[in-house]
Protein backbone atom coordinates (compact mmCIF):
# COMPACT_ATOMS: atom_id res chain seq x y z
CA MET A 1 127.23 115.23 104.79
CA LYS A 2 127.83 112.59 102.09
CA LYS A 3 130.31 110.73 104.30
CA SER A 4 127.93 110.97 107.24
CA ILE A 5 125.02 109.55 105.20
CA ASN A 6 127.15 106.67 103.92
CA LYS A 7 128.08 105.88 107.51
CA TYR A 8 124.40 105.78 108.49
CA LYS A 9 123.61 103.69 105.41
CA LYS A 10 126.19 101.07 106.32
CA ALA A 11 124.88 100.85 109.90
CA PHE A 12 121.27 100.70 108.62
CA LEU A 13 122.00 97.79 106.26
CA GLU A 14 123.78 95.94 109.08
CA SER A 15 120.73 96.43 111.30
CA LEU A 16 118.49 94.88 108.62
CA GLU A 17 120.49 91.69 108.90
CA GLU A 18 121.01 91.67 112.67
CA ASN A 19 117.63 92.96 113.88
CA ARG A 20 115.23 91.93 111.13
CA GLY A 21 116.94 88.84 109.75
CA TYR A 22 116.71 90.06 106.15
CA SER A 23 118.34 87.91 103.45
CA ASP A 24 121.46 88.99 101.55
CA LEU A 25 119.33 89.49 98.44
CA THR A 26 116.90 91.81 100.25
CA ILE A 27 119.74 93.81 101.79
CA LYS A 28 121.35 94.15 98.36
CA SER A 29 118.03 95.47 97.02
CA TYR A 30 117.86 98.06 99.82
CA ASP A 31 121.46 99.07 99.14
CA GLU A 32 120.79 99.58 95.43
CA SER A 33 117.66 101.65 96.12
CA LEU A 34 119.48 103.87 98.61
CA ASN A 35 122.44 104.37 96.27
CA GLU A 36 120.04 105.42 93.52
CA MET A 37 118.27 107.79 95.86
CA LEU A 38 121.55 109.37 97.03
CA THR A 39 122.57 109.85 93.39
CA PHE A 40 119.40 111.51 92.12
CA ALA A 41 117.61 113.10 95.10
CA GLU A 42 118.20 116.74 96.06
CA MET A 43 119.61 117.13 99.57
CA VAL A 44 119.73 120.37 101.53
CA GLU A 45 121.30 120.65 104.97
CA GLN A 46 119.84 123.33 107.23
CA GLY A 47 121.47 123.39 110.64
CA SER A 48 120.88 119.98 112.20
CA MET A 49 118.15 119.03 109.72
CA LEU A 50 118.62 117.28 106.38
CA THR A 51 115.87 117.77 103.79
CA ILE A 52 115.73 115.20 100.98
CA ASN A 53 113.59 116.01 97.95
CA LEU A 54 112.76 112.69 96.29
CA MET A 55 111.17 114.14 93.15
CA PRO A 56 114.28 113.82 90.90
CA TYR A 57 114.69 110.23 92.12
CA ARG A 58 111.02 109.46 91.48
CA ILE A 59 111.33 110.82 87.95
CA HIS A 60 114.35 108.55 87.43
CA ILE A 61 112.44 105.41 88.50
CA SER A 62 109.06 106.42 87.04
CA GLY A 63 109.31 103.88 84.22
CA LEU A 64 109.33 100.92 86.61
CA ASN A 65 106.18 99.06 87.65
CA PRO A 66 104.27 100.48 90.66
CA LYS A 67 105.18 97.58 92.96
CA THR A 68 108.92 98.07 92.33
CA ILE A 69 108.64 101.83 92.84
CA SER A 70 106.73 101.24 96.08
CA LYS A 71 109.45 98.89 97.36
CA LYS A 72 112.20 101.38 96.53
CA LEU A 73 110.39 104.23 98.28
CA SER A 74 109.72 101.97 101.27
CA ALA A 75 113.47 101.30 101.54
CA VAL A 76 114.14 105.05 101.51
CA ARG A 77 111.49 105.69 104.20
CA SER A 78 112.93 102.95 106.40
CA PHE A 79 116.38 104.49 106.06
CA ALA A 80 115.03 107.96 106.91
CA ASN A 81 113.26 106.53 109.98
CA TYR A 82 116.49 104.84 111.04
CA MET A 83 118.40 108.13 110.78
CA ASN A 84 115.72 109.95 112.78
CA GLU A 85 115.84 107.24 115.46
CA ASN A 86 119.60 107.73 115.65
CA LYS A 87 119.58 111.47 116.28
CA CYS A 88 119.90 112.68 112.67
CA LYS A 89 116.79 114.67 111.74
CA VAL A 90 115.67 113.89 108.19
CA VAL A 91 112.66 115.26 106.32
CA LEU A 92 111.49 113.64 103.06
CA LEU A 93 109.75 115.68 100.37
CA SER A 94 107.70 114.23 97.48
CA ASP A 95 107.23 111.08 99.53
CA GLU A 96 103.68 110.24 98.42
CA SER A 97 102.87 106.54 98.38
CA VAL A 98 102.38 104.62 95.15
CA LYS A 99 99.15 102.62 94.90
CA VAL A 100 99.76 98.96 94.19
CA ALA A 101 97.40 96.01 94.04
CA LYS A 102 97.02 94.40 97.45
CA THR A 103 98.50 90.94 97.81
CA LEU A 104 97.23 88.34 100.23
CA PRO A 105 99.10 88.31 103.54
CA LYS A 106 100.88 85.15 104.59
CA PRO A 107 99.81 84.13 108.10
CA ILE A 108 101.71 81.62 110.20
CA THR A 109 99.81 78.52 111.28
CA HIS A 110 98.86 78.18 114.92
CA LYS A 111 100.79 74.90 115.05
CA HIS A 112 104.05 76.60 113.99
CA ILE A 113 103.56 79.45 116.45
CA VAL A 114 103.00 77.02 119.34
CA GLU A 115 106.06 75.02 118.31
CA ALA A 116 108.23 78.16 118.27
CA LEU A 117 106.95 79.32 121.68
CA GLU A 118 107.88 75.98 123.25
CA HIS A 119 111.56 76.84 122.72
CA ALA A 120 111.34 80.53 123.70
CA PRO A 121 112.45 82.01 127.05
CA LEU A 122 109.85 84.03 128.96
CA GLU A 123 110.87 87.52 127.75
CA GLU A 124 110.78 86.44 124.10
CA ARG A 125 107.60 84.41 124.48
CA ILE A 126 105.59 87.31 125.87
CA VAL A 127 106.59 89.49 122.89
CA VAL A 128 105.24 86.91 120.43
CA GLU A 129 102.12 86.17 122.49
CA MET A 130 101.19 89.85 122.77
CA LEU A 131 101.49 90.27 119.00
CA TYR A 132 99.62 87.06 118.22
CA THR A 133 96.82 87.23 120.79
CA LEU A 134 96.16 90.97 120.48
CA GLY A 135 96.81 91.55 116.77
CA LEU A 136 99.12 94.48 117.49
CA ARG A 137 101.31 96.40 115.11
CA ILE A 138 104.96 96.39 116.19
CA SER A 139 104.79 100.16 116.81
CA GLU A 140 101.79 99.63 119.10
CA LEU A 141 103.61 96.96 121.10
CA ALA A 142 106.71 99.15 121.50
CA SER A 143 104.56 101.99 122.87
CA LEU A 144 102.40 99.83 125.15
CA ARG A 145 102.35 101.23 128.70
CA LEU A 146 101.68 99.24 131.86
CA ALA A 147 98.92 101.71 132.75
CA ASP A 148 97.05 100.62 129.60
CA ILE A 149 96.91 96.95 130.62
CA SER A 150 94.08 95.83 132.89
CA GLN A 151 93.12 92.36 134.04
CA GLU A 152 91.02 91.59 130.97
CA TRP A 153 91.66 94.41 128.47
CA VAL A 154 94.50 96.24 126.76
CA ARG A 155 94.05 99.83 125.59
CA VAL A 156 96.03 100.33 122.38
CA LEU A 157 97.10 103.64 120.87
CA GLY A 158 97.05 103.01 117.12
CA LYS A 159 97.49 104.95 113.91
CA GLY A 160 96.24 108.52 113.96
CA LYS A 161 96.31 108.45 117.80
CA LYS A 162 93.12 106.36 117.74
CA GLN A 163 92.51 104.27 120.87
CA ARG A 164 90.93 100.83 120.87
CA ASP A 165 90.36 98.22 123.56
CA VAL A 166 91.39 94.64 122.84
CA PRO A 167 90.47 91.69 125.09
CA LEU A 168 93.34 90.00 126.92
CA LEU A 169 93.25 86.20 127.04
CA GLY A 170 93.45 84.62 130.49
CA SER A 171 96.46 82.50 129.49
CA THR A 172 98.27 85.59 128.22
CA ARG A 173 97.42 87.41 131.47
CA VAL A 174 99.04 84.59 133.49
CA LEU A 175 102.18 84.75 131.33
CA LEU A 176 102.18 88.52 131.61
CA ASP A 177 102.06 88.40 135.41
CA GLU A 178 105.00 86.02 135.42
CA TYR A 179 106.95 88.36 133.14
CA LEU A 180 106.14 91.43 135.27
CA SER A 181 107.23 89.71 138.48
CA GLN A 182 110.60 88.79 136.94
CA PHE A 183 111.52 91.88 134.93
CA HIS A 184 109.77 94.75 136.81
CA PRO A 185 109.27 97.29 133.98
CA LYS A 186 108.36 100.76 135.24
CA ILE A 187 106.39 102.56 132.50
CA PHE A 188 106.43 100.58 129.26
CA LEU A 189 105.83 96.85 129.02
CA PHE A 190 109.17 96.36 127.29
CA GLU A 191 112.03 98.51 128.54
CA LYS A 192 115.80 98.72 128.47
CA ASN A 193 117.75 101.14 130.65
CA SER A 194 114.49 102.79 131.75
CA GLU A 195 113.48 103.55 128.14
CA LYS A 196 111.01 101.73 125.94
CA LEU A 197 112.49 98.99 123.80
CA SER A 198 112.80 100.00 120.14
CA GLU A 199 110.70 98.49 117.37
CA ASN A 200 113.85 97.02 115.82
CA SER A 201 114.74 95.27 119.07
CA LEU A 202 111.26 93.74 119.24
CA ARG A 203 111.50 92.64 115.60
CA TYR A 204 114.81 90.97 116.36
CA ILE A 205 113.21 89.04 119.23
CA VAL A 206 110.47 87.73 116.91
CA THR A 207 113.12 86.77 114.34
CA LYS A 208 115.08 84.81 116.96
CA VAL A 209 112.05 82.94 118.27
CA PHE A 210 111.13 81.57 114.84
CA GLN A 211 114.67 81.02 113.62
CA ARG A 212 114.97 78.26 116.23
CA VAL A 213 112.34 76.29 114.34
CA SER A 214 113.76 77.24 110.92
CA LEU A 215 111.07 79.78 110.05
CA LYS A 216 111.34 83.40 108.93
CA VAL A 217 108.48 85.34 110.50
CA THR A 218 107.77 89.05 110.82
CA PRO A 219 105.68 90.73 113.53
CA HIS A 220 103.13 91.74 110.90
CA GLN A 221 102.62 88.10 109.91
CA LEU A 222 101.54 87.43 113.50
CA ARG A 223 98.97 90.21 113.13
CA HIS A 224 97.80 88.54 109.91
CA SER A 225 97.54 85.23 111.76
CA TYR A 226 95.43 86.86 114.47
CA ALA A 227 93.02 88.33 111.91
CA THR A 228 92.63 85.26 109.71
CA SER A 229 92.15 82.97 112.72
CA LEU A 230 89.29 85.10 114.02
CA LEU A 231 87.61 85.36 110.62
CA ASN A 232 88.02 81.66 109.83
CA GLU A 233 86.35 80.81 113.15
CA GLY A 234 83.31 82.96 112.37
CA ALA A 235 84.09 86.33 113.95
CA MET A 236 82.21 89.23 112.33
CA ILE A 237 84.33 91.33 110.01
CA ALA A 238 83.17 94.57 111.70
CA ASP A 239 84.43 93.30 115.06
CA VAL A 240 87.76 92.15 113.62
CA SER A 241 88.18 95.49 111.87
CA GLU A 242 87.68 97.29 115.17
CA LEU A 243 90.08 94.98 117.02
CA LEU A 244 92.77 95.60 114.39
CA GLY A 245 92.27 99.36 114.46
CA HIS A 246 91.48 99.56 110.74
CA SER A 247 89.95 102.85 109.64
CA SER A 248 87.90 101.00 107.01
CA MET A 249 86.45 97.50 106.77
CA ALA A 250 87.76 97.40 103.19
CA THR A 251 91.23 96.93 104.65
CA THR A 252 90.03 93.99 106.74
CA GLN A 253 88.30 92.31 103.78
CA ILE A 254 91.63 91.16 102.34
CA TYR A 255 91.76 88.62 105.19
CA THR A 256 88.41 87.18 104.13
CA LYS A 257 89.87 86.58 100.67
CA LEU A 258 92.74 84.73 102.29
CA GLY A 259 90.29 82.57 104.20
CA SER A 260 88.62 81.58 100.94
CA VAL A 261 91.97 80.67 99.39
CA LEU A 262 92.88 78.51 102.38
CA LYS A 263 89.52 76.75 102.31
CA GLN A 264 89.98 75.99 98.62
CA GLN A 265 93.49 74.62 99.21
CA ASN A 266 92.30 72.44 102.11
CA TYR A 267 89.37 71.18 100.01
CA LYS A 268 91.70 70.12 97.21
CA LYS A 269 93.94 68.30 99.67
CA ALA A 270 91.03 66.53 101.35
CA HIS A 271 88.74 65.53 98.48
CA PRO A 272 89.42 61.97 97.22
CA LEU A 273 89.02 63.00 93.57
CA CYS A 274 91.91 65.47 93.96
CA GLY A 275 94.44 62.84 94.96
CA GLY A 276 97.19 61.33 92.88
CA GLU A 277 97.46 62.74 89.36
CA THR A 278 93.86 63.93 89.17
CA GLU A 279 93.63 67.66 88.43
CA CYS A 280 90.96 69.62 90.32
């Protein structure tokens, strides 16, 4: 089993570079976390299922700060998901999340998104537009069925199997019709060999689109951009929360904090007393 896991680990780390565009430093961090986990975690193989008890590993890293622990556990979860996606059933025990202070998301400006889309072929452009104009999670986009897309609305199946309806922009609808007429998907919006396109494949598409304009952008940043744009233009937080599929408005409120930060930064740039060497 050890040899088999190391084989999966090598392929997983390669996928982080190829599909997600992760830096060498980030990949090295993932590698170190996984090596630690494989050293300290208890692994039991039962038939075709591998059970990994993370408790000994968590005890080993318990002296680190919560944010570091959270990152290490996130790397392990991503690896376990990768193995499950590749026909190796893995179950994680003692996998409870670590609470860390929320940091402000980093949205991409509308100007940069438009610039990137100008260089994108149709199939790539529709991926980015659906994420940006609907505020979807990457998992929601991967699972989006043609039957859930109407002329003006998209029905999204989100976390906890909760459904929500999100309005579809007219310009996105036109682009969508063009895409459908060229690629003819049958069940899911994005397909390959009659099966839905994987989340990793969609992430890779987003990475490619923005690499052409020398930017590193994740699908979740496009969701952040969607939320902050709506809030900065006066949309009610309750409506934005519903459109994002948040279970609580407290989750959505982090975007309002970001809006305040951006306003402060823009004020400092614009006010004449903040120019030159004057400190504001």
